[in-house]
């Protein structure tokens, strides 16, 4: 298959041809060891820095996959509208990043 350069929007807007669909179906049946990746360009730190290459990680269904834990627990708490406004005002006044940070700061004073 020849190398084609296009934007993501162009690629998403263009339907696959019958030949491309057959090629991808054939690749899907092969194990990774049998697929030739030699035509792929090398991933360099410079390409990552300027955003030409997106490096993803910590995904999938592997054990311990996903975003690393911040050591926080998710809880559902109901507040009155007045209490929410007070916490939002507190976050702005103390230049905290968000509502949760205001709650965190308020809990330290207890």
PDB file of N, CA and C in Angstrom:
ATOM      1  N   UNK A   1       0.831  -1.179   0.000  1.00  0.00           N
ATOM      2  CA  UNK A   1       0.000   0.000   0.000  1.00  0.00           C
ATOM      3  C   UNK A   1       0.878   1.246   0.000  1.00  0.00           C
ATOM      4  N   UNK A   2       0.619   2.194  -0.851  1.00  0.00           N
ATOM      5  CA  UNK A   2       1.444   3.403  -0.896  1.00  0.00           C
ATOM      6  C   UNK A   2       1.163   4.300   0.314  1.00  0.00           C
ATOM      7  N   UNK A   3       2.154   5.127   0.658  1.00  0.00           N
ATOM      8  CA  UNK A   3       2.006   6.059   1.764  1.00  0.00           C
ATOM      9  C   UNK A   3       1.145   7.234   1.321  1.00  0.00           C
ATOM     10  N   UNK A   4       0.115   7.541   2.089  1.00  0.00           N
ATOM     11  CA  UNK A   4      -0.790   8.639   1.781  1.00  0.00           C
ATOM     12  C   UNK A   4      -0.762   9.606   2.947  1.00  0.00           C
ATOM     13  N   UNK A   5      -0.595  10.894   2.660  1.00  0.00           N
ATOM     14  CA  UNK A   5      -0.580  11.910   3.705  1.00  0.00           C
ATOM     15  C   UNK A   5      -1.866  12.723   3.606  1.00  0.00           C
ATOM     16  N   UNK A   6      -2.606  12.789   4.712  1.00  0.00           N
ATOM     17  CA  UNK A   6      -3.836  13.572   4.750  1.00  0.00           C
ATOM     18  C   UNK A   6      -4.132  13.927   6.201  1.00  0.00           C
ATOM     19  N   UNK A   7      -5.013  14.862   6.389  1.00  0.00           N
ATOM     20  CA  UNK A   7      -5.380  15.260   7.741  1.00  0.00           C
ATOM     21  C   UNK A   7      -6.323  14.219   8.324  1.00  0.00           C
ATOM     22  N   UNK A   8      -6.496  14.265   9.639  1.00  0.00           N
ATOM     23  CA  UNK A   8      -7.403  13.334  10.299  1.00  0.00           C
ATOM     24  C   UNK A   8      -8.835  13.551   9.814  1.00  0.00           C
ATOM     25  N   UNK A   9      -9.221  14.813   9.651  1.00  0.00           N
ATOM     26  CA  UNK A   9     -10.582  15.118   9.181  1.00  0.00           C
ATOM     27  C   UNK A   9     -10.817  14.529   7.791  1.00  0.00           C
ATOM     28  N   UNK A  10      -9.820  14.634   6.909  1.00  0.00           N
ATOM     29  CA  UNK A  10      -9.936  14.065   5.564  1.00  0.00           C
ATOM     30  C   UNK A  10     -10.029  12.542   5.625  1.00  0.00           C
ATOM     31  N   UNK A  11      -9.226  11.952   6.507  1.00  0.00           N
ATOM     32  CA  UNK A  11      -9.227  10.497   6.625  1.00  0.00           C
ATOM     33  C   UNK A  11     -10.561   9.987   7.155  1.00  0.00           C
ATOM     34  N   UNK A  12     -11.130  10.695   8.128  1.00  0.00           N
ATOM     35  CA  UNK A  12     -12.407  10.270   8.693  1.00  0.00           C
ATOM     36  C   UNK A  12     -13.560  10.481   7.714  1.00  0.00           C
ATOM     37  N   UNK A  13     -13.458  11.490   6.868  1.00  0.00           N
ATOM     38  CA  UNK A  13     -14.528  11.791   5.919  1.00  0.00           C
ATOM     39  C   UNK A  13     -14.515  10.847   4.722  1.00  0.00           C
ATOM     40  N   UNK A  14     -13.357  10.272   4.424  1.00  0.00           N
ATOM     41  CA  UNK A  14     -13.223   9.415   3.244  1.00  0.00           C
ATOM     42  C   UNK A  14     -13.537   7.964   3.604  1.00  0.00           C
ATOM     43  N   UNK A  15     -14.467   7.331   2.903  1.00  0.00           N
ATOM     44  CA  UNK A  15     -14.752   5.918   3.178  1.00  0.00           C
ATOM     45  C   UNK A  15     -13.614   5.029   2.659  1.00  0.00           C
ATOM     46  N   UNK A  16     -13.471   3.866   3.264  1.00  0.00           N
ATOM     47  CA  UNK A  16     -12.451   2.915   2.819  1.00  0.00           C
ATOM     48  C   UNK A  16     -12.851   2.304   1.480  1.00  0.00           C
ATOM     49  N   UNK A  17     -11.855   2.086   0.633  1.00  0.00           N
ATOM     50  CA  UNK A  17     -12.116   1.414  -0.640  1.00  0.00           C
ATOM     51  C   UNK A  17     -12.229  -0.083  -0.382  1.00  0.00           C
ATOM     52  N   UNK A  18     -12.691  -0.806  -1.357  1.00  0.00           N
ATOM     53  CA  UNK A  18     -12.817  -2.262  -1.243  1.00  0.00           C
ATOM     54  C   UNK A  18     -11.437  -2.888  -1.038  1.00  0.00           C
ATOM     55  N   UNK A  19     -10.439  -2.369  -1.752  1.00  0.00           N
ATOM     56  CA  UNK A  19      -9.069  -2.887  -1.623  1.00  0.00           C
ATOM     57  C   UNK A  19      -8.525  -2.644  -0.218  1.00  0.00           C
ATOM     58  N   UNK A  20      -8.724  -1.434   0.312  1.00  0.00           N
ATOM     59  CA  UNK A  20      -8.243  -1.118   1.660  1.00  0.00           C
ATOM     60  C   UNK A  20      -8.948  -1.979   2.700  1.00  0.00           C
ATOM     61  N   UNK A  21     -10.239  -2.158   2.530  1.00  0.00           N
ATOM     62  CA  UNK A  21     -11.011  -2.967   3.473  1.00  0.00           C
ATOM     63  C   UNK A  21     -10.487  -4.408   3.486  1.00  0.00           C
ATOM     64  N   UNK A  22     -10.187  -4.961   2.302  1.00  0.00           N
ATOM     65  CA  UNK A  22      -9.651  -6.322   2.201  1.00  0.00           C
ATOM     66  C   UNK A  22      -8.255  -6.407   2.822  1.00  0.00           C
ATOM     67  N   UNK A  23      -7.441  -5.371   2.585  1.00  0.00           N
ATOM     68  CA  UNK A  23      -6.085  -5.341   3.143  1.00  0.00           C
ATOM     69  C   UNK A  23      -6.130  -5.331   4.677  1.00  0.00           C
ATOM     70  N   UNK A  24      -6.988  -4.497   5.251  1.00  0.00           N
ATOM     71  CA  UNK A  24      -7.091  -4.409   6.704  1.00  0.00           C
ATOM     72  C   UNK A  24      -7.689  -5.677   7.308  1.00  0.00           C
ATOM     73  N   UNK A  25      -8.610  -6.297   6.598  1.00  0.00           N
ATOM     74  CA  UNK A  25      -9.184  -7.559   7.075  1.00  0.00           C
ATOM     75  C   UNK A  25      -8.118  -8.648   7.112  1.00  0.00           C
ATOM     76  N   UNK A  26      -7.240  -8.669   6.083  1.00  0.00           N
ATOM     77  CA  UNK A  26      -6.155  -9.653   6.046  1.00  0.00           C
ATOM     78  C   UNK A  26      -5.155  -9.391   7.172  1.00  0.00           C
ATOM     79  N   UNK A  27      -4.851  -8.121   7.429  1.00  0.00           N
ATOM     80  CA  UNK A  27      -3.930  -7.785   8.525  1.00  0.00           C
ATOM     81  C   UNK A  27      -4.511  -8.170   9.878  1.00  0.00           C
ATOM     82  N   UNK A  28      -5.813  -8.020  10.046  1.00  0.00           N
ATOM     83  CA  UNK A  28      -6.452  -8.315  11.332  1.00  0.00           C
ATOM     84  C   UNK A  28      -6.346  -9.791  11.685  1.00  0.00           C
ATOM     85  N   UNK A  29      -6.219 -10.654  10.685  1.00  0.00           N
ATOM     86  CA  UNK A  29      -6.136 -12.092  10.958  1.00  0.00           C
ATOM     87  C   UNK A  29      -4.718 -12.538  11.309  1.00  0.00           C
ATOM     88  N   UNK A  30      -3.710 -11.701  11.013  1.00  0.00           N
ATOM     89  CA  UNK A  30      -2.322 -12.071  11.266  1.00  0.00           C
ATOM     90  C   UNK A  30      -1.915 -11.692  12.696  1.00  0.00           C
ATOM     91  N   UNK A  31      -1.050 -12.492  13.327  1.00  0.00           N
ATOM     92  CA  UNK A  31      -0.475 -12.077  14.602  1.00  0.00           C
ATOM     93  C   UNK A  31       0.546 -10.949  14.362  1.00  0.00           C
ATOM     94  N   UNK A  32       0.807 -10.137  15.367  1.00  0.00           N
ATOM     95  CA  UNK A  32       1.719  -9.000  15.223  1.00  0.00           C
ATOM     96  C   UNK A  32       3.097  -9.414  14.706  1.00  0.00           C
ATOM     97  N   UNK A  33       3.548 -10.595  15.085  1.00  0.00           N
ATOM     98  CA  UNK A  33       4.881 -11.053  14.672  1.00  0.00           C
ATOM     99  C   UNK A  33       4.993 -11.209  13.162  1.00  0.00           C
ATOM    100  N   UNK A  34       3.876 -11.410  12.466  1.00  0.00           N
ATOM    101  CA  UNK A  34       3.912 -11.619  11.022  1.00  0.00           C
ATOM    102  C   UNK A  34       3.664 -10.333  10.235  1.00  0.00           C
ATOM    103  N   UNK A  35       3.354  -9.240  10.895  1.00  0.00           N
ATOM    104  CA  UNK A  35       3.085  -7.977  10.205  1.00  0.00           C
ATOM    105  C   UNK A  35       4.383  -7.198  10.075  1.00  0.00           C
ATOM    106  N   UNK A  36       4.668  -6.686   8.890  1.00  0.00           N
ATOM    107  CA  UNK A  36       5.887  -5.932   8.613  1.00  0.00           C
ATOM    108  C   UNK A  36       5.684  -4.464   9.012  1.00  0.00           C
ATOM    109  N   UNK A  37       6.342  -4.045  10.080  1.00  0.00           N
ATOM    110  CA  UNK A  37       6.259  -2.667  10.550  1.00  0.00           C
ATOM    111  C   UNK A  37       7.472  -1.847  10.121  1.00  0.00           C
ATOM    112  N   UNK A  38       8.286  -2.357   9.209  1.00  0.00           N
ATOM    113  CA  UNK A  38       9.540  -1.699   8.838  1.00  0.00           C
ATOM    114  C   UNK A  38       9.320  -0.371   8.120  1.00  0.00           C
ATOM    115  N   UNK A  39       8.154  -0.155   7.524  1.00  0.00           N
ATOM    116  CA  UNK A  39       7.924   1.109   6.820  1.00  0.00           C
ATOM    117  C   UNK A  39       7.509   2.234   7.759  1.00  0.00           C
ATOM    118  N   UNK A  40       7.339   1.939   9.024  1.00  0.00           N
ATOM    119  CA  UNK A  40       6.972   2.955  10.006  1.00  0.00           C
ATOM    120  C   UNK A  40       8.172   3.849  10.284  1.00  0.00           C
ATOM    121  N   UNK A  41       7.942   5.152  10.401  1.00  0.00           N
ATOM    122  CA  UNK A  41       9.035   6.058  10.723  1.00  0.00           C
ATOM    123  C   UNK A  41       9.402   5.914  12.194  1.00  0.00           C
ATOM    124  N   UNK A  42      10.643   6.248  12.495  1.00  0.00           N
ATOM    125  CA  UNK A  42      11.123   6.118  13.866  1.00  0.00           C
ATOM    126  C   UNK A  42      10.516   7.207  14.742  1.00  0.00           C
ATOM    127  N   UNK A  43      10.126   6.853  15.949  1.00  0.00           N
ATOM    128  CA  UNK A  43       9.555   7.815  16.888  1.00  0.00           C
ATOM    129  C   UNK A  43      10.709   8.443  17.667  1.00  0.00           C
ATOM    130  N   UNK A  44      10.849   9.766  17.542  1.00  0.00           N
ATOM    131  CA  UNK A  44      11.933  10.470  18.222  1.00  0.00           C
ATOM    132  C   UNK A  44      11.351  11.402  19.281  1.00  0.00           C
ATOM    133  N   UNK A  45      12.192  11.826  20.204  1.00  0.00           N
ATOM    134  CA  UNK A  45      11.763  12.758  21.245  1.00  0.00           C
ATOM    135  C   UNK A  45      11.317  14.084  20.636  1.00  0.00           C
ATOM    136  N   UNK A  46      11.974  14.500  19.559  1.00  0.00           N
ATOM    137  CA  UNK A  46      11.603  15.758  18.895  1.00  0.00           C
ATOM    138  C   UNK A  46      10.207  15.657  18.284  1.00  0.00           C
ATOM    139  N   UNK A  47       9.889  14.522  17.656  1.00  0.00           N
ATOM    140  CA  UNK A  47       8.561  14.337  17.056  1.00  0.00           C
ATOM    141  C   UNK A  47       7.480  14.328  18.125  1.00  0.00           C
ATOM    142  N   UNK A  48       7.785  13.753  19.281  1.00  0.00           N
ATOM    143  CA  UNK A  48       6.825  13.745  20.389  1.00  0.00           C
ATOM    144  C   UNK A  48       6.647  15.153  20.929  1.00  0.00           C
ATOM    145  N   UNK A  49       7.751  15.897  21.062  1.00  0.00           N
ATOM    146  CA  UNK A  49       7.701  17.248  21.642  1.00  0.00           C
ATOM    147  C   UNK A  49       6.856  18.205  20.813  1.00  0.00           C
ATOM    148  N   UNK A  50       6.927  18.111  19.484  1.00  0.00           N
ATOM    149  CA  UNK A  50       6.158  19.030  18.646  1.00  0.00           C
ATOM    150  C   UNK A  50       4.756  18.505  18.353  1.00  0.00           C
ATOM    151  N   UNK A  51       4.437  17.303  18.815  1.00  0.00           N
ATOM    152  CA  UNK A  51       3.088  16.782  18.666  1.00  0.00           C
ATOM    153  C   UNK A  51       2.835  16.005  17.391  1.00  0.00           C
ATOM    154  N   UNK A  52       3.888  15.680  16.627  1.00  0.00           N
ATOM    155  CA  UNK A  52       3.695  14.880  15.424  1.00  0.00           C
ATOM    156  C   UNK A  52       3.362  13.438  15.762  1.00  0.00           C
ATOM    157  N   UNK A  53       3.807  13.008  16.939  1.00  0.00           N
ATOM    158  CA  UNK A  53       3.556  11.643  17.382  1.00  0.00           C
ATOM    159  C   UNK A  53       2.889  11.719  18.742  1.00  0.00           C
ATOM    160  N   UNK A  54       1.794  11.017  18.904  1.00  0.00           N
ATOM    161  CA  UNK A  54       1.100  10.959  20.183  1.00  0.00           C
ATOM    162  C   UNK A  54       1.437   9.631  20.835  1.00  0.00           C
ATOM    163  N   UNK A  55       2.039   9.704  22.008  1.00  0.00           N
ATOM    164  CA  UNK A  55       2.402   8.497  22.728  1.00  0.00           C
ATOM    165  C   UNK A  55       1.336   8.268  23.786  1.00  0.00           C
ATOM    166  N   UNK A  56       0.684   7.137  23.706  1.00  0.00           N
ATOM    167  CA  UNK A  56      -0.340   6.809  24.693  1.00  0.00           C
ATOM    168  C   UNK A  56       0.167   5.659  25.533  1.00  0.00           C
ATOM    169  N   UNK A  57      -0.309   5.585  26.700  1.00  0.00           N
ATOM    170  CA  UNK A  57       0.101   4.505  27.577  1.00  0.00           C
ATOM    171  C   UNK A  57      -0.901   4.314  28.684  1.00  0.00           C
ATOM    172  N   UNK A  58      -0.666   3.311  29.470  1.00  0.00           N
ATOM    173  CA  UNK A  58      -1.524   2.990  30.604  1.00  0.00           C
ATOM    174  C   UNK A  58      -2.969   2.752  30.183  1.00  0.00           C
ATOM    175  N   UNK A  59      -3.145   2.123  29.067  1.00  0.00           N
ATOM    176  CA  UNK A  59      -4.500   1.849  28.619  1.00  0.00           C
ATOM    177  C   UNK A  59      -4.720   0.365  28.468  1.00  0.00           C
ATOM    178  N   UNK A  60      -5.901   0.003  28.100  1.00  0.00           N
ATOM    179  CA  UNK A  60      -6.198  -1.394  27.849  1.00  0.00           C
ATOM    180  C   UNK A  60      -6.737  -2.105  29.071  1.00  0.00           C
ATOM    181  N   UNK A  61      -6.786  -3.400  28.986  1.00  0.00           N
ATOM    182  CA  UNK A  61      -7.391  -4.197  30.045  1.00  0.00           C
ATOM    183  C   UNK A  61      -6.351  -4.980  30.839  1.00  0.00           C
ATOM    184  N   UNK A  62      -5.099  -4.553  30.765  1.00  0.00           N
ATOM    185  CA  UNK A  62      -4.057  -5.227  31.529  1.00  0.00           C
ATOM    186  C   UNK A  62      -4.247  -4.968  33.025  1.00  0.00           C
ATOM    187  N   UNK A  63      -3.683  -5.825  33.836  1.00  0.00           N
ATOM    188  CA  UNK A  63      -3.692  -5.622  35.274  1.00  0.00           C
ATOM    189  C   UNK A  63      -2.941  -4.340  35.597  1.00  0.00           C
ATOM    190  N   UNK A  64      -3.506  -3.513  36.442  1.00  0.00           N
ATOM    191  CA  UNK A  64      -2.927  -2.233  36.872  1.00  0.00           C
ATOM    192  C   UNK A  64      -2.841  -1.234  35.731  1.00  0.00           C
ATOM    193  N   UNK A  65      -3.666  -1.406  34.700  1.00  0.00           N
ATOM    194  CA  UNK A  65      -3.677  -0.467  33.580  1.00  0.00           C
ATOM    195  C   UNK A  65      -4.534   0.736  33.933  1.00  0.00           C
ATOM    196  N   UNK A  66      -4.373   1.793  33.184  1.00  0.00           N
ATOM    197  CA  UNK A  66      -5.181   2.995  33.386  1.00  0.00           C
ATOM    198  C   UNK A  66      -4.412   4.069  34.112  1.00  0.00           C
ATOM    199  N   UNK A  67      -5.102   5.136  34.409  1.00  0.00           N
ATOM    200  CA  UNK A  67      -4.486   6.275  35.090  1.00  0.00           C
ATOM    201  C   UNK A  67      -4.030   5.864  36.479  1.00  0.00           C
ATOM    202  N   UNK A  68      -2.852   6.319  36.848  1.00  0.00           N
ATOM    203  CA  UNK A  68      -2.326   6.019  38.169  1.00  0.00           C
ATOM    204  C   UNK A  68      -3.184   6.703  39.227  1.00  0.00           C
ATOM    205  N   UNK A  69      -3.404   6.016  40.310  1.00  0.00           N
ATOM    206  CA  UNK A  69      -4.263   6.521  41.374  1.00  0.00           C
ATOM    207  C   UNK A  69      -3.628   7.716  42.074  1.00  0.00           C
ATOM    208  N   UNK A  70      -4.460   8.690  42.409  1.00  0.00           N
ATOM    209  CA  UNK A  70      -4.003   9.848  43.168  1.00  0.00           C
ATOM    210  C   UNK A  70      -4.169   9.613  44.663  1.00  0.00           C
ATOM    211  N   UNK A  71      -4.674   8.440  45.031  1.00  0.00           N
ATOM    212  CA  UNK A  71      -4.893   8.132  46.436  1.00  0.00           C
ATOM    213  C   UNK A  71      -6.169   8.761  46.973  1.00  0.00           C
ATOM    214  N   UNK A  72      -7.066   9.148  46.103  1.00  0.00           N
ATOM    215  CA  UNK A  72      -8.313   9.774  46.521  1.00  0.00           C
ATOM    216  C   UNK A  72      -9.470   8.828  46.240  1.00  0.00           C
ATOM    217  N   UNK A  73     -10.530   8.974  47.007  1.00  0.00           N
ATOM    218  CA  UNK A  73     -11.720   8.159  46.831  1.00  0.00           C
ATOM    219  C   UNK A  73     -12.850   9.016  46.301  1.00  0.00           C
ATOM    220  N   UNK A  74     -13.672   8.438  45.440  1.00  0.00           N
ATOM    221  CA  UNK A  74     -14.825   9.151  44.897  1.00  0.00           C
ATOM    222  C   UNK A  74     -16.015   8.924  45.823  1.00  0.00           C
ATOM    223  N   UNK A  75     -16.617  10.014  46.269  1.00  0.00           N
ATOM    224  CA  UNK A  75     -17.804   9.961  47.124  1.00  0.00           C
ATOM    225  C   UNK A  75     -18.835  10.926  46.574  1.00  0.00           C
ATOM    226  N   UNK A  76     -20.100  10.604  46.755  1.00  0.00           N
ATOM    227  CA  UNK A  76     -21.176  11.487  46.346  1.00  0.00           C
ATOM    228  C   UNK A  76     -21.701  12.196  47.584  1.00  0.00           C
ATOM    229  N   UNK A  77     -21.690  13.522  47.529  1.00  0.00           N
ATOM    230  CA  UNK A  77     -22.137  14.341  48.658  1.00  0.00           C
ATOM    231  C   UNK A  77     -23.127  15.367  48.127  1.00  0.00           C
ATOM    232  N   UNK A  78     -24.217  15.577  48.867  1.00  0.00           N
ATOM    233  CA  UNK A  78     -25.212  16.566  48.443  1.00  0.00           C
ATOM    234  C   UNK A  78     -25.022  17.836  49.259  1.00  0.00           C
ATOM    235  N   UNK A  79     -24.917  18.987  48.560  1.00  0.00           N
ATOM    236  CA  UNK A  79     -24.774  20.296  49.187  1.00  0.00           C
ATOM    237  C   UNK A  79     -25.934  21.180  48.779  1.00  0.00           C
ATOM    238  N   UNK A  80     -26.242  22.135  49.621  1.00  0.00           N
ATOM    239  CA  UNK A  80     -27.243  23.135  49.248  1.00  0.00           C
ATOM    240  C   UNK A  80     -26.612  24.079  48.224  1.00  0.00           C
ATOM    241  N   UNK A  81     -27.420  24.766  47.425  1.00  0.00           N
ATOM    242  CA  UNK A  81     -26.856  25.716  46.466  1.00  0.00           C
ATOM    243  C   UNK A  81     -25.990  26.791  47.126  1.00  0.00           C
ATOM    244  N   UNK A  82     -26.380  27.227  48.325  1.00  0.00           N
ATOM    245  CA  UNK A  82     -25.595  28.241  49.035  1.00  0.00           C
ATOM    246  C   UNK A  82     -24.213  27.701  49.413  1.00  0.00           C
ATOM    247  N   UNK A  83     -24.163  26.446  49.861  1.00  0.00           N
ATOM    248  CA  UNK A  83     -22.878  25.843  50.235  1.00  0.00           C
ATOM    249  C   UNK A  83     -21.979  25.698  49.012  1.00  0.00           C
ATOM    250  N   UNK A  84     -22.564  25.334  47.887  1.00  0.00           N
ATOM    251  CA  UNK A  84     -21.778  25.208  46.649  1.00  0.00           C
ATOM    252  C   UNK A  84     -21.197  26.561  46.258  1.00  0.00           C
ATOM    253  N   UNK A  85     -21.998  27.610  46.344  1.00  0.00           N
ATOM    254  CA  UNK A  85     -21.502  28.958  46.012  1.00  0.00           C
ATOM    255  C   UNK A  85     -20.365  29.360  46.947  1.00  0.00           C
ATOM    256  N   UNK A  86     -20.497  29.020  48.245  1.00  0.00           N
ATOM    257  CA  UNK A  86     -19.424  29.361  49.205  1.00  0.00           C
ATOM    258  C   UNK A  86     -18.124  28.646  48.839  1.00  0.00           C
ATOM    259  N   UNK A  87     -18.214  27.364  48.500  1.00  0.00           N
ATOM    260  CA  UNK A  87     -17.009  26.622  48.128  1.00  0.00           C
ATOM    261  C   UNK A  87     -16.402  27.154  46.828  1.00  0.00           C
ATOM    262  N   UNK A  88     -17.234  27.498  45.856  1.00  0.00           N
ATOM    263  CA  UNK A  88     -16.727  28.057  44.602  1.00  0.00           C
ATOM    264  C   UNK A  88     -16.060  29.406  44.841  1.00  0.00           C
ATOM    265  N   UNK A  89     -16.653  30.234  45.695  1.00  0.00           N
ATOM    266  CA  UNK A  89     -16.061  31.529  46.041  1.00  0.00           C
ATOM    267  C   UNK A  89     -14.733  31.329  46.755  1.00  0.00           C
ATOM    268  N   UNK A  90     -14.709  30.373  47.665  1.00  0.00           N
ATOM    269  CA  UNK A  90     -13.474  30.061  48.397  1.00  0.00           C
ATOM    270  C   UNK A  90     -12.378  29.619  47.423  1.00  0.00           C
ATOM    271  N   UNK A  91     -12.729  28.791  46.438  1.00  0.00           N
ATOM    272  CA  UNK A  91     -11.745  28.314  45.459  1.00  0.00           C
ATOM    273  C   UNK A  91     -11.182  29.473  44.646  1.00  0.00           C
ATOM    274  N   UNK A  92     -12.059  30.414  44.235  1.00  0.00           N
ATOM    275  CA  UNK A  92     -11.587  31.577  43.474  1.00  0.00           C
ATOM    276  C   UNK A  92     -10.713  32.470  44.329  1.00  0.00           C
ATOM    277  N   UNK A  93     -11.149  32.711  45.557  1.00  0.00           N
ATOM    278  CA  UNK A  93     -10.416  33.618  46.444  1.00  0.00           C
ATOM    279  C   UNK A  93      -9.024  33.079  46.754  1.00  0.00           C
ATOM    280  N   UNK A  94      -8.917  31.785  46.983  1.00  0.00           N
ATOM    281  CA  UNK A  94      -7.624  31.185  47.327  1.00  0.00           C
ATOM    282  C   UNK A  94      -6.863  30.701  46.092  1.00  0.00           C
ATOM    283  N   UNK A  95      -7.407  31.008  44.899  1.00  0.00           N
ATOM    284  CA  UNK A  95      -6.792  30.607  43.627  1.00  0.00           C
ATOM    285  C   UNK A  95      -6.553  29.099  43.555  1.00  0.00           C
ATOM    286  N   UNK A  96      -7.565  28.339  43.962  1.00  0.00           N
ATOM    287  CA  UNK A  96      -7.496  26.884  43.883  1.00  0.00           C
ATOM    288  C   UNK A  96      -8.018  26.453  42.514  1.00  0.00           C
ATOM    289  N   UNK A  97      -7.563  25.333  41.990  1.00  0.00           N
ATOM    290  CA  UNK A  97      -7.921  24.953  40.626  1.00  0.00           C
ATOM    291  C   UNK A  97      -9.391  24.597  40.413  1.00  0.00           C
ATOM    292  N   UNK A  98     -10.046  24.036  41.441  1.00  0.00           N
ATOM    293  CA  UNK A  98     -11.429  23.620  41.233  1.00  0.00           C
ATOM    294  C   UNK A  98     -12.176  23.458  42.547  1.00  0.00           C
ATOM    295  N   UNK A  99     -13.425  23.062  42.424  1.00  0.00           N
ATOM    296  CA  UNK A  99     -14.323  22.869  43.556  1.00  0.00           C
ATOM    297  C   UNK A  99     -13.763  21.818  44.524  1.00  0.00           C
ATOM    298  N   UNK A 100     -13.250  20.727  43.989  1.00  0.00           N
ATOM    299  CA  UNK A 100     -12.709  19.654  44.829  1.00  0.00           C
ATOM    300  C   UNK A 100     -11.533  20.141  45.669  1.00  0.00           C
ATOM    301  N   UNK A 101     -10.713  21.005  45.100  1.00  0.00           N
ATOM    302  CA  UNK A 101      -9.577  21.545  45.856  1.00  0.00           C
ATOM    303  C   UNK A 101     -10.066  22.416  47.008  1.00  0.00           C
ATOM    304  N   UNK A 102     -11.170  23.142  46.798  1.00  0.00           N
ATOM    305  CA  UNK A 102     -11.747  23.957  47.882  1.00  0.00           C
ATOM    306  C   UNK A 102     -12.262  23.060  48.996  1.00  0.00           C
ATOM    307  N   UNK A 103     -12.908  21.956  48.648  1.00  0.00           N
ATOM    308  CA  UNK A 103     -13.373  21.005  49.663  1.00  0.00           C
ATOM    309  C   UNK A 103     -12.198  20.403  50.425  1.00  0.00           C
ATOM    310  N   UNK A 104     -11.154  20.065  49.680  1.00  0.00           N
ATOM    311  CA  UNK A 104      -9.949  19.499  50.287  1.00  0.00           C
ATOM    312  C   UNK A 104      -9.337  20.482  51.297  1.00  0.00           C
ATOM    313  N   UNK A 105      -9.254  21.750  50.911  1.00  0.00           N
ATOM    314  CA  UNK A 105      -8.692  22.771  51.797  1.00  0.00           C
ATOM    315  C   UNK A 105      -9.573  22.976  53.022  1.00  0.00           C
ATOM    316  N   UNK A 106     -10.882  22.980  52.817  1.00  0.00           N
ATOM    317  CA  UNK A 106     -11.804  23.157  53.948  1.00  0.00           C
ATOM    318  C   UNK A 106     -11.746  21.974  54.908  1.00  0.00           C
ATOM    319  N   UNK A 107     -11.511  20.779  54.397  1.00  0.00           N
ATOM    320  CA  UNK A 107     -11.462  19.605  55.265  1.00  0.00           C
ATOM    321  C   UNK A 107     -10.230  19.618  56.161  1.00  0.00           C
ATOM    322  N   UNK A 108      -9.187  20.302  55.735  1.00  0.00           N
ATOM    323  CA  UNK A 108      -7.958  20.383  56.553  1.00  0.00           C
ATOM    324  C   UNK A 108      -8.151  21.255  57.773  1.00  0.00           C
ATOM    325  N   UNK A 109      -9.142  22.161  57.728  1.00  0.00           N
ATOM    326  CA  UNK A 109      -9.366  23.057  58.863  1.00  0.00           C
ATOM    327  C   UNK A 109     -10.229  22.409  59.935  1.00  0.00           C
ATOM    328  N   UNK A 110     -10.793  21.256  59.662  1.00  0.00           N
ATOM    329  CA  UNK A 110     -11.655  20.556  60.638  1.00  0.00           C
ATOM    330  C   UNK A 110     -10.851  19.903  61.721  1.00  0.00           C
TER     331      UNK A 110
END
